C-alpha atoms as a PDB file:
ATOM      1  CA  MET A   1     148.719  40.709 214.879  1.00  0.00           C
ATOM      2  CA  ALA A   2     148.211  38.474 211.859  1.00  0.00           C
ATOM      3  CA  ARG A   3     145.369  39.065 209.477  1.00  0.00           C
ATOM      4  CA  ILE A   4     142.283  36.405 209.418  1.00  0.00           C
ATOM      5  CA  LEU A   5     141.279  35.458 205.804  1.00  0.00           C
ATOM      6  CA  ASP A   6     137.582  34.927 206.322  1.00  0.00           C
ATOM      7  CA  GLY A   7     136.410  31.998 204.452  1.00  0.00           C
ATOM      8  CA  VAL A   8     132.868  32.569 205.418  1.00  0.00           C
ATOM      9  CA  ALA A   9     132.653  36.031 203.900  1.00  0.00           C
ATOM     10  CA  ILE A  10     134.505  34.828 200.306  1.00  0.00           C
ATOM     11  CA  ALA A  11     132.489  31.877 200.331  1.00  0.00           C
ATOM     12  CA  ALA A  12     129.304  34.143 200.507  1.00  0.00           C
ATOM     13  CA  GLU A  13     130.603  36.385 197.872  1.00  0.00           C
ATOM     14  CA  ILE A  14     131.173  33.477 195.546  1.00  0.00           C
ATOM     15  CA  LYS A  15     127.610  32.324 196.230  1.00  0.00           C
ATOM     16  CA  GLN A  16     126.274  35.512 195.611  1.00  0.00           C
ATOM     17  CA  GLU A  17     128.155  35.855 191.995  1.00  0.00           C
ATOM     18  CA  VAL A  18     126.853  32.230 191.120  1.00  0.00           C
ATOM     19  CA  ALA A  19     123.199  33.148 191.991  1.00  0.00           C
ATOM     20  CA  GLN A  20     123.702  35.879 189.553  1.00  0.00           C
ATOM     21  CA  GLN A  21     124.927  33.652 186.955  1.00  0.00           C
ATOM     22  CA  VAL A  22     122.139  30.954 187.768  1.00  0.00           C
ATOM     23  CA  LYS A  23     119.793  34.035 187.090  1.00  0.00           C
ATOM     24  CA  ALA A  24     121.033  35.191 183.907  1.00  0.00           C
ATOM     25  CA  MET A  25     120.782  31.354 182.599  1.00  0.00           C
ATOM     26  CA  ALA A  26     117.125  31.244 183.744  1.00  0.00           C
ATOM     27  CA  ALA A  27     116.449  34.148 181.489  1.00  0.00           C
ATOM     28  CA  ARG A  28     117.457  31.959 178.469  1.00  0.00           C
ATOM     29  CA  GLY A  29     115.327  29.202 179.830  1.00  0.00           C
ATOM     30  CA  LEU A  30     118.333  27.034 181.292  1.00  0.00           C
ATOM     31  CA  ARG A  31     118.896  25.800 184.887  1.00  0.00           C
ATOM     32  CA  PRO A  32     122.080  23.983 186.186  1.00  0.00           C
ATOM     33  CA  GLY A  33     121.583  20.793 187.578  1.00  0.00           C
ATOM     34  CA  LEU A  34     123.432  18.722 190.140  1.00  0.00           C
ATOM     35  CA  ALA A  35     123.073  14.972 190.962  1.00  0.00           C
ATOM     36  CA  ALA A  36     124.671  14.024 194.434  1.00  0.00           C
ATOM     37  CA  VAL A  37     124.994  10.099 195.299  1.00  0.00           C
ATOM     38  CA  LEU A  38     125.231   9.218 198.825  1.00  0.00           C
ATOM     39  CA  VAL A  39     125.486   5.717 199.657  1.00  0.00           C
ATOM     40  CA  GLY A  40     124.616   4.244 202.910  1.00  0.00           C
ATOM     41  CA  ASN A  41     124.384   5.981 206.355  1.00  0.00           C
ATOM     42  CA  VAL A  42     127.575   7.988 207.202  1.00  0.00           C
ATOM     43  CA  PRO A  43     126.339  10.649 209.356  1.00  0.00           C
ATOM     44  CA  ALA A  44     129.218  13.161 208.452  1.00  0.00           C
ATOM     45  CA  SER A  45     128.735  12.493 204.961  1.00  0.00           C
ATOM     46  CA  GLN A  46     124.877  12.856 205.198  1.00  0.00           C
ATOM     47  CA  ILE A  47     125.301  16.370 206.900  1.00  0.00           C
ATOM     48  CA  TYR A  48     127.750  17.179 204.065  1.00  0.00           C
ATOM     49  CA  VAL A  49     125.524  16.096 201.153  1.00  0.00           C
ATOM     50  CA  ARG A  50     122.464  17.678 202.874  1.00  0.00           C
ATOM     51  CA  SER A  51     124.401  20.963 202.985  1.00  0.00           C
ATOM     52  CA  LYS A  52     125.198  20.999 199.250  1.00  0.00           C
ATOM     53  CA  VAL A  53     121.981  20.112 198.368  1.00  0.00           C
ATOM     54  CA  ARG A  54     120.667  23.131 200.587  1.00  0.00           C
ATOM     55  CA  SER A  55     123.261  25.474 198.690  1.00  0.00           C
ATOM     56  CA  CYS A  56     121.707  24.330 195.364  1.00  0.00           C
ATOM     57  CA  GLU A  57     118.156  25.177 196.563  1.00  0.00           C
ATOM     58  CA  GLU A  58     119.367  28.466 197.723  1.00  0.00           C
ATOM     59  CA  LEU A  59     121.040  29.574 194.611  1.00  0.00           C
ATOM     60  CA  GLY A  60     118.394  28.311 191.923  1.00  0.00           C
ATOM     61  CA  ILE A  61     120.277  25.153 190.941  1.00  0.00           C
ATOM     62  CA  TYR A  62     118.370  22.103 190.088  1.00  0.00           C
ATOM     63  CA  SER A  63     119.200  19.007 192.704  1.00  0.00           C
ATOM     64  CA  ASP A  64     118.697  15.240 192.428  1.00  0.00           C
ATOM     65  CA  LEU A  65     119.751  13.538 195.671  1.00  0.00           C
ATOM     66  CA  ILE A  66     120.105   9.564 194.886  1.00  0.00           C
ATOM     67  CA  THR A  67     120.702   7.365 197.782  1.00  0.00           C
ATOM     68  CA  PRO A  68     121.837   3.751 196.985  1.00  0.00           C
ATOM     69  CA  PRO A  69     121.900   1.308 199.828  1.00  0.00           C
ATOM     70  CA  GLU A  70     125.101   0.366 201.746  1.00  0.00           C
ATOM     71  CA  THR A  71     125.116  -2.953 199.793  1.00  0.00           C
ATOM     72  CA  VAL A  72     125.222  -1.500 196.416  1.00  0.00           C
ATOM     73  CA  SER A  73     127.761  -3.308 194.006  1.00  0.00           C
ATOM     74  CA  THR A  74     130.258  -1.602 191.761  1.00  0.00           C
ATOM     75  CA  ASP A  75     128.468  -2.817 188.727  1.00  0.00           C
ATOM     76  CA  GLU A  76     125.168  -0.864 189.992  1.00  0.00           C
ATOM     77  CA  MET A  77     126.887   2.039 190.824  1.00  0.00           C
ATOM     78  CA  LEU A  78     128.333   2.132 187.203  1.00  0.00           C
ATOM     79  CA  LYS A  79     125.063   1.615 185.967  1.00  0.00           C
ATOM     80  CA  LEU A  80     123.949   4.885 188.088  1.00  0.00           C
ATOM     81  CA  VAL A  81     126.686   6.794 186.804  1.00  0.00           C
ATOM     82  CA  ASP A  82     126.192   5.785 183.230  1.00  0.00           C
ATOM     83  CA  GLU A  83     122.443   6.709 183.618  1.00  0.00           C
ATOM     84  CA  LEU A  84     123.428  10.058 185.193  1.00  0.00           C
ATOM     85  CA  ASN A  85     125.960  10.686 182.285  1.00  0.00           C
ATOM     86  CA  GLY A  86     123.073  10.605 179.866  1.00  0.00           C
ATOM     87  CA  ARG A  87     120.636  12.918 181.538  1.00  0.00           C
ATOM     88  CA  ASP A  88     120.724  16.431 179.851  1.00  0.00           C
ATOM     89  CA  GLU A  89     119.223  18.101 183.018  1.00  0.00           C
ATOM     90  CA  ILE A  90     122.190  16.939 185.001  1.00  0.00           C
ATOM     91  CA  ASP A  91     125.252  19.038 184.456  1.00  0.00           C
ATOM     92  CA  GLY A  92     127.343  18.021 187.396  1.00  0.00           C
ATOM     93  CA  ILE A  93     127.694  14.735 189.197  1.00  0.00           C
ATOM     94  CA  LEU A  94     129.100  14.364 192.822  1.00  0.00           C
ATOM     95  CA  ILE A  95     129.925  10.970 194.337  1.00  0.00           C
ATOM     96  CA  GLN A  96     130.099  11.422 197.899  1.00  0.00           C
ATOM     97  CA  LEU A  97     133.156   9.682 199.507  1.00  0.00           C
ATOM     98  CA  PRO A  98     133.909   7.726 201.201  1.00  0.00           C
ATOM     99  CA  LEU A  99     132.358   4.477 199.753  1.00  0.00           C
ATOM    100  CA  PRO A 100     131.414   0.899 201.076  1.00  0.00           C
ATOM    101  CA  SER A 101     134.609  -1.180 200.647  1.00  0.00           C
ATOM    102  CA  GLN A 102     133.209  -3.474 197.961  1.00  0.00           C
ATOM    103  CA  VAL A 103     132.921  -0.498 195.720  1.00  0.00           C
ATOM    104  CA  ASP A 104     135.819   0.234 193.308  1.00  0.00           C
ATOM    105  CA  VAL A 105     136.069   3.949 193.898  1.00  0.00           C
ATOM    106  CA  LYS A 106     138.558   4.690 191.198  1.00  0.00           C
ATOM    107  CA  ALA A 107     136.499   2.484 188.408  1.00  0.00           C
ATOM    108  CA  LEU A 108     133.625   4.770 189.571  1.00  0.00           C
ATOM    109  CA  LEU A 109     134.886   8.222 189.584  1.00  0.00           C
ATOM    110  CA  ASP A 110     136.938   7.387 186.125  1.00  0.00           C
ATOM    111  CA  ALA A 111     133.411   6.618 184.748  1.00  0.00           C
ATOM    112  CA  VAL A 112     132.078   9.991 185.524  1.00  0.00           C
ATOM    113  CA  ALA A 113     131.785  12.118 182.193  1.00  0.00           C
ATOM    114  CA  PRO A 114     134.803  14.768 182.314  1.00  0.00           C
ATOM    115  CA  ALA A 115     132.246  17.334 181.399  1.00  0.00           C
ATOM    116  CA  LYS A 116     130.057  16.448 184.425  1.00  0.00           C
ATOM    117  CA  ASP A 117     132.921  15.958 186.774  1.00  0.00           C
ATOM    118  CA  VAL A 118     132.415  18.974 189.251  1.00  0.00           C
ATOM    119  CA  ASP A 119     134.839  17.500 191.898  1.00  0.00           C
ATOM    120  CA  GLY A 120     137.543  17.679 189.195  1.00  0.00           C
ATOM    121  CA  PHE A 121     138.797  14.137 190.055  1.00  0.00           C
ATOM    122  CA  HIS A 122     138.877  12.870 186.690  1.00  0.00           C
ATOM    123  CA  PRO A 123     142.129  11.817 184.977  1.00  0.00           C
ATOM    124  CA  VAL A 124     140.868  14.045 181.829  1.00  0.00           C
ATOM    125  CA  ASN A 125     140.294  17.318 183.969  1.00  0.00           C
ATOM    126  CA  ALA A 126     143.728  16.634 185.836  1.00  0.00           C
ATOM    127  CA  GLY A 127     145.531  16.768 182.544  1.00  0.00           C
ATOM    128  CA  ARG A 128     143.406  19.845 181.420  1.00  0.00           C
ATOM    129  CA  LEU A 129     144.429  21.596 184.582  1.00  0.00           C
ATOM    130  CA  GLN A 130     148.128  20.592 184.105  1.00  0.00           C
ATOM    131  CA  ALA A 131     148.039  21.835 180.556  1.00  0.00           C
ATOM    132  CA  GLY A 132     146.349  24.939 181.785  1.00  0.00           C
ATOM    133  CA  ARG A 133     143.473  24.591 179.499  1.00  0.00           C
ATOM    134  CA  PRO A 134     139.803  25.260 180.733  1.00  0.00           C
ATOM    135  CA  ALA A 135     139.026  22.520 183.249  1.00  0.00           C
ATOM    136  CA  LEU A 136     136.814  21.788 186.362  1.00  0.00           C
ATOM    137  CA  ALA A 137     139.205  22.155 189.035  1.00  0.00           C
ATOM    138  CA  PRO A 138     138.998  20.297 192.286  1.00  0.00           C
ATOM    139  CA  CYS A 139     136.889  22.470 194.601  1.00  0.00           C
ATOM    140  CA  THR A 140     139.190  22.895 197.586  1.00  0.00           C
ATOM    141  CA  PRO A 141     142.208  23.754 195.687  1.00  0.00           C
ATOM    142  CA  ALA A 142     140.195  25.990 193.542  1.00  0.00           C
ATOM    143  CA  GLY A 143     138.906  27.414 196.866  1.00  0.00           C
ATOM    144  CA  VAL A 144     142.663  28.061 198.239  1.00  0.00           C
ATOM    145  CA  ILE A 145     143.158  30.197 195.009  1.00  0.00           C
ATOM    146  CA  GLU A 146     139.809  32.016 195.326  1.00  0.00           C
ATOM    147  CA  ILE A 147     140.899  33.133 199.295  1.00  0.00           C
ATOM    148  CA  LEU A 148     144.288  34.115 197.958  1.00  0.00           C
ATOM    149  CA  LYS A 149     142.859  36.264 194.863  1.00  0.00           C
ATOM    150  CA  ARG A 150     140.116  37.780 196.893  1.00  0.00           C
ATOM    151  CA  SER A 151     142.244  38.642 199.904  1.00  0.00           C
ATOM    152  CA  GLY A 152     144.733  40.376 197.921  1.00  0.00           C
ATOM    153  CA  ILE A 153     147.494  38.252 198.421  1.00  0.00           C
ATOM    154  CA  ALA A 154     150.085  38.215 195.704  1.00  0.00           C
ATOM    155  CA  MET A 155     150.612  34.943 194.154  1.00  0.00           C
ATOM    156  CA  ALA A 156     153.149  35.898 190.919  1.00  0.00           C
ATOM    157  CA  GLY A 157     156.713  35.742 192.044  1.00  0.00           C
ATOM    158  CA  ALA A 158     155.994  33.981 195.644  1.00  0.00           C
ATOM    159  CA  ASN A 159     157.592  31.415 197.145  1.00  0.00           C
ATOM    160  CA  ALA A 160     154.659  28.681 197.725  1.00  0.00           C
ATOM    161  CA  VAL A 161     155.077  25.786 199.663  1.00  0.00           C
ATOM    162  CA  VAL A 162     152.361  23.100 199.440  1.00  0.00           C
ATOM    163  CA  VAL A 163     152.875  20.394 202.551  1.00  0.00           C
ATOM    164  CA  GLY A 164     150.783  17.265 201.052  1.00  0.00           C
ATOM    165  CA  ARG A 165     150.827  15.524 197.573  1.00  0.00           C
ATOM    166  CA  SER A 166     147.361  13.928 197.449  1.00  0.00           C
ATOM    167  CA  ASP A 167     145.782  14.187 194.030  1.00  0.00           C
ATOM    168  CA  ILE A 168     142.674  15.626 195.551  1.00  0.00           C
ATOM    169  CA  VAL A 169     144.217  18.719 197.191  1.00  0.00           C
ATOM    170  CA  GLY A 170     148.130  18.859 197.289  1.00  0.00           C
ATOM    171  CA  LYS A 171     149.021  18.129 193.610  1.00  0.00           C
ATOM    172  CA  PRO A 172     145.931  20.154 192.098  1.00  0.00           C
ATOM    173  CA  ALA A 173     146.715  23.157 194.702  1.00  0.00           C
ATOM    174  CA  ALA A 174     150.297  23.134 193.366  1.00  0.00           C
ATOM    175  CA  MET A 175     149.326  23.412 189.747  1.00  0.00           C
ATOM    176  CA  LEU A 176     146.784  26.119 190.440  1.00  0.00           C
ATOM    177  CA  LEU A 177     149.493  28.213 192.104  1.00  0.00           C
ATOM    178  CA  LEU A 178     152.169  27.363 189.309  1.00  0.00           C
ATOM    179  CA  HIS A 179     149.198  28.763 186.929  1.00  0.00           C
ATOM    180  CA  GLN A 180     149.408  32.013 189.165  1.00  0.00           C
ATOM    181  CA  ASN A 181     153.175  32.135 188.475  1.00  0.00           C
ATOM    182  CA  ALA A 182     154.128  31.537 192.057  1.00  0.00           C
ATOM    183  CA  THR A 183     157.473  29.209 192.343  1.00  0.00           C
ATOM    184  CA  VAL A 184     156.006  26.108 193.801  1.00  0.00           C
ATOM    185  CA  THR A 185     157.636  23.375 196.099  1.00  0.00           C
ATOM    186  CA  ILE A 186     155.707  20.310 197.127  1.00  0.00           C
ATOM    187  CA  CYS A 187     156.494  18.734 200.251  1.00  0.00           C
ATOM    188  CA  HIS A 188     155.565  15.215 201.567  1.00  0.00           C
ATOM    189  CA  SER A 189     156.592  12.561 204.098  1.00  0.00           C
ATOM    190  CA  LYS A 190     160.041  11.958 202.414  1.00  0.00           C
ATOM    191  CA  THR A 191     160.861  15.695 202.385  1.00  0.00           C
ATOM    192  CA  ARG A 192     164.326  16.232 204.167  1.00  0.00           C
ATOM    193  CA  ASP A 193     164.587  18.869 206.862  1.00  0.00           C
ATOM    194  CA  LEU A 194     160.921  19.842 206.109  1.00  0.00           C
ATOM    195  CA  ALA A 195     161.079  23.017 208.560  1.00  0.00           C
ATOM    196  CA  ALA A 196     163.797  24.324 206.580  1.00  0.00           C
ATOM    197  CA  VAL A 197     161.762  24.240 203.339  1.00  0.00           C
ATOM    198  CA  THR A 198     158.759  25.704 204.804  1.00  0.00           C
ATOM    199  CA  ARG A 199     160.502  28.615 206.399  1.00  0.00           C
ATOM    200  CA  GLN A 200     160.999  29.899 202.859  1.00  0.00           C
ATOM    201  CA  ALA A 201     157.426  30.191 201.916  1.00  0.00           C
ATOM    202  CA  ASP A 202     155.622  33.208 201.257  1.00  0.00           C
ATOM    203  CA  ILE A 203     152.740  31.415 200.858  1.00  0.00           C
ATOM    204  CA  LEU A 204     152.345  28.258 203.034  1.00  0.00           C
ATOM    205  CA  VAL A 205     149.449  25.639 202.294  1.00  0.00           C
ATOM    206  CA  ALA A 206     149.041  22.745 204.910  1.00  0.00           C
ATOM    207  CA  ALA A 207     147.239  19.800 203.599  1.00  0.00           C
ATOM    208  CA  ILE A 208     148.831  16.852 205.139  1.00  0.00           C
ATOM    209  CA  GLY A 209     146.003  15.651 207.074  1.00  0.00           C
ATOM    210  CA  ARG A 210     147.711  15.647 210.608  1.00  0.00           C
ATOM    211  CA  PRO A 211     146.441  17.731 213.381  1.00  0.00           C
ATOM    212  CA  GLY A 212     148.714  20.540 214.458  1.00  0.00           C
ATOM    213  CA  PHE A 213     151.556  19.492 212.133  1.00  0.00           C
ATOM    214  CA  ILE A 214     152.821  22.963 211.159  1.00  0.00           C
ATOM    215  CA  THR A 215     154.377  24.404 214.315  1.00  0.00           C
ATOM    216  CA  PRO A 216     155.722  27.966 214.960  1.00  0.00           C
ATOM    217  CA  ASP A 217     159.239  27.024 214.035  1.00  0.00           C
ATOM    218  CA  MET A 218     158.026  25.898 210.433  1.00  0.00           C
ATOM    219  CA  VAL A 219     156.577  29.224 209.478  1.00  0.00           C
ATOM    220  CA  LYS A 220     158.148  32.118 208.050  1.00  0.00           C
ATOM    221  CA  PRO A 221     157.648  35.339 209.936  1.00  0.00           C
ATOM    222  CA  GLY A 222     154.719  37.369 207.947  1.00  0.00           C
ATOM    223  CA  ALA A 223     153.907  34.327 205.513  1.00  0.00           C
ATOM    224  CA  THR A 224     150.513  33.686 204.572  1.00  0.00           C
ATOM    225  CA  VAL A 225     149.547  30.276 206.109  1.00  0.00           C
ATOM    226  CA  ILE A 226     146.400  28.672 204.485  1.00  0.00           C
ATOM    227  CA  ASP A 227     145.203  25.674 206.374  1.00  0.00           C
ATOM    228  CA  VAL A 228     143.190  23.140 204.595  1.00  0.00           C
ATOM    229  CA  GLY A 229     142.917  20.610 207.283  1.00  0.00           C
ATOM    230  CA  ILE A 230     140.028  19.459 208.967  1.00  0.00           C
ATOM    231  CA  ASN A 231     140.685  17.171 211.996  1.00  0.00           C
ATOM    232  CA  ARG A 232     138.311  16.383 214.908  1.00  0.00           C
ATOM    233  CA  ILE A 233     140.070  15.625 218.509  1.00  0.00           C
ATOM    234  CA  ALA A 234     138.541  13.933 221.162  1.00  0.00           C
ATOM    235  CA  ASP A 235     141.665  13.547 223.351  1.00  0.00           C
ATOM    236  CA  ARG A 236     142.078  15.629 226.422  1.00  0.00           C
ATOM    237  CA  ALA A 237     145.854  15.596 226.030  1.00  0.00           C
ATOM    238  CA  GLN A 238     145.589  16.372 222.698  1.00  0.00           C
ATOM    239  CA  PHE A 239     143.340  19.318 223.130  1.00  0.00           C
ATOM    240  CA  ASP A 240     145.557  20.668 225.804  1.00  0.00           C
ATOM    241  CA  ARG A 241     148.433  20.650 223.454  1.00  0.00           C
ATOM    242  CA  PHE A 242     146.539  22.991 221.099  1.00  0.00           C
ATOM    243  CA  PHE A 243     143.863  24.822 222.913  1.00  0.00           C
ATOM    244  CA  ARG A 244     145.033  25.239 226.646  1.00  0.00           C
ATOM    245  CA  GLY A 245     143.671  28.401 228.236  1.00  0.00           C
ATOM    246  CA  ASN A 246     141.461  29.261 225.447  1.00  0.00           C
ATOM    247  CA  GLU A 247     137.855  29.735 226.681  1.00  0.00           C
ATOM    248  CA  LYS A 248     135.620  29.393 223.723  1.00  0.00           C
ATOM    249  CA  ARG A 249     137.499  26.242 222.529  1.00  0.00           C
ATOM    250  CA  GLU A 250     137.194  24.879 225.984  1.00  0.00           C
ATOM    251  CA  ALA A 251     133.429  25.797 226.281  1.00  0.00           C
ATOM    252  CA  ALA A 252     133.000  23.622 223.017  1.00  0.00           C
ATOM    253  CA  PHE A 253     135.113  20.868 224.015  1.00  0.00           C
ATOM    254  CA  ALA A 254     132.914  20.628 227.233  1.00  0.00           C
ATOM    255  CA  LYS A 255     129.707  20.694 225.463  1.00  0.00           C
ATOM    256  CA  HIS A 256     130.596  18.399 222.249  1.00  0.00           C
ATOM    257  CA  GLY A 257     133.395  16.328 223.763  1.00  0.00           C
ATOM    258  CA  SER A 258     135.511  17.201 220.850  1.00  0.00           C
ATOM    259  CA  VAL A 259     136.708  20.034 218.709  1.00  0.00           C
ATOM    260  CA  ILE A 260     138.186  20.834 215.164  1.00  0.00           C
ATOM    261  CA  VAL A 261     141.788  21.866 214.369  1.00  0.00           C
ATOM    262  CA  GLY A 262     143.647  22.246 211.172  1.00  0.00           C
ATOM    263  CA  ASP A 263     146.948  20.895 210.178  1.00  0.00           C
ATOM    264  CA  VAL A 264     148.557  24.030 211.467  1.00  0.00           C
ATOM    265  CA  HIS A 265     149.217  24.492 215.416  1.00  0.00           C
ATOM    266  CA  PRO A 266     147.360  27.435 216.495  1.00  0.00           C
ATOM    267  CA  ALA A 267     150.493  29.066 218.021  1.00  0.00           C
ATOM    268  CA  ALA A 268     151.982  29.127 214.536  1.00  0.00           C
ATOM    269  CA  PHE A 269     149.436  31.489 213.316  1.00  0.00           C
ATOM    270  CA  GLN A 270     151.194  34.333 215.763  1.00  0.00           C
ATOM    271  CA  VAL A 271     154.101  34.143 213.623  1.00  0.00           C
ATOM    272  CA  ALA A 272     152.238  34.373 210.217  1.00  0.00           C
ATOM    273  CA  GLY A 273     151.176  37.510 208.634  1.00  0.00           C
ATOM    274  CA  ALA A 274     147.739  36.181 207.152  1.00  0.00           C
ATOM    275  CA  TYR A 275     146.259  32.988 207.614  1.00  0.00           C
ATOM    276  CA  THR A 276     142.714  31.016 207.224  1.00  0.00           C
ATOM    277  CA  PRO A 277     141.170  29.661 210.576  1.00  0.00           C
ATOM    278  CA  VAL A 278     139.807  26.271 211.248  1.00  0.00           C
ATOM    279  CA  PRO A 279     136.532  26.206 211.320  1.00  0.00           C
ATOM    280  CA  GLY A 280     135.707  29.157 209.059  1.00  0.00           C
ATOM    281  CA  GLY A 281     138.500  29.286 206.308  1.00  0.00           C
ATOM    282  CA  VAL A 282     139.058  26.780 203.404  1.00  0.00           C
ATOM    283  CA  GLY A 283     136.363  24.622 204.373  1.00  0.00           C
ATOM    284  CA  ARG A 284     133.637  26.791 203.752  1.00  0.00           C
ATOM    285  CA  LEU A 285     135.014  27.593 200.106  1.00  0.00           C
ATOM    286  CA  THR A 286     134.709  23.998 199.157  1.00  0.00           C
ATOM    287  CA  ILE A 287     130.453  23.821 199.070  1.00  0.00           C
ATOM    288  CA  ALA A 288     130.772  27.417 197.288  1.00  0.00           C
ATOM    289  CA  MET A 289     133.329  26.365 194.515  1.00  0.00           C
ATOM    290  CA  LEU A 290     131.243  23.050 193.941  1.00  0.00           C
ATOM    291  CA  MET A 291     128.327  25.322 193.084  1.00  0.00           C
ATOM    292  CA  ALA A 292     130.628  27.194 191.081  1.00  0.00           C
ATOM    293  CA  ASN A 293     131.720  24.440 189.153  1.00  0.00           C
ATOM    294  CA  THR A 294     128.318  22.977 188.692  1.00  0.00           C
ATOM    295  CA  VAL A 295     127.329  26.641 186.902  1.00  0.00           C
ATOM    296  CA  GLN A 296     130.702  26.268 184.873  1.00  0.00           C
ATOM    297  CA  ALA A 297     129.838  22.682 183.660  1.00  0.00           C
ATOM    298  CA  ALA A 298     126.546  23.929 182.502  1.00  0.00           C
ATOM    299  CA  ARG A 299     127.691  26.721 180.663  1.00  0.00           C
ATOM    300  CA  MET A 300     130.509  24.681 179.054  1.00  0.00           C
ATOM    301  CA  ARG A 301     128.233  22.088 178.231  1.00  0.00           C
ATOM    302  CA  ARG A 302     126.012  24.377 176.157  1.00  0.00           C
ATOM    303  CA  GLY A 303     128.764  26.496 174.599  1.00  0.00           C
ATOM    304  CA  LEU A 304     127.921  29.645 176.742  1.00  0.00           C
END
């Protein structure tokens, strides 16, 4: 039976370490600070940001939640970011996506000071990551590496295949794996005979944003499968494709009218040697790594 890589337990472990670092900084009269910018009234974003603010409170990190209206302009957002860049008590700036269509997202993310870019999206941090220099790495890819490390999955010399080439997950995940001395292949929608490539993977990272895309025939027996995807499905036929006969999921679907599935078909986990579940896997690491990045940013800014 495949081993489940418990993202909940690993996230708790990282948060405990962060709390200890915050406590050590407090002894020197310092406190890390995170500004979270939430525009409008997107329910999913509100829930996610609240959980981030709550995590700050739990760990002793100062947080400032800023909520511009849905009608905010790019210029107004740029002014806000400039103000946050200048606030010394703020070490990290988080701009929750998506943003309203009238806001230039790229210009906004580029305006965040690289030293406060705790999401790791700024081109300067992307360049530092590629060069192997100290940088704030995107939270989800950093979480992938922590899961592998803390689960004792050997990366050095392993064949790692990343399915997905986004700037937020796919590319930085591949770079971080490369820095761990894995042999890395990046696949995407134009890859020929994708299954033949993924079957060579000792470590397979699925980050393509399509529910159940990775099927059993695409997985090497015994491989470690890291499922980054979080896809909500509400269609009964689609539900049956993934979870027919699963009593726990049936109950959840009946209660909520939808369930979450990753980018990996659940049947593929029967082929794997180890895997991250959805939910309870990589997603739980994202907030933990945001907290870790905030403390790292605070330490780097203060030369600790």
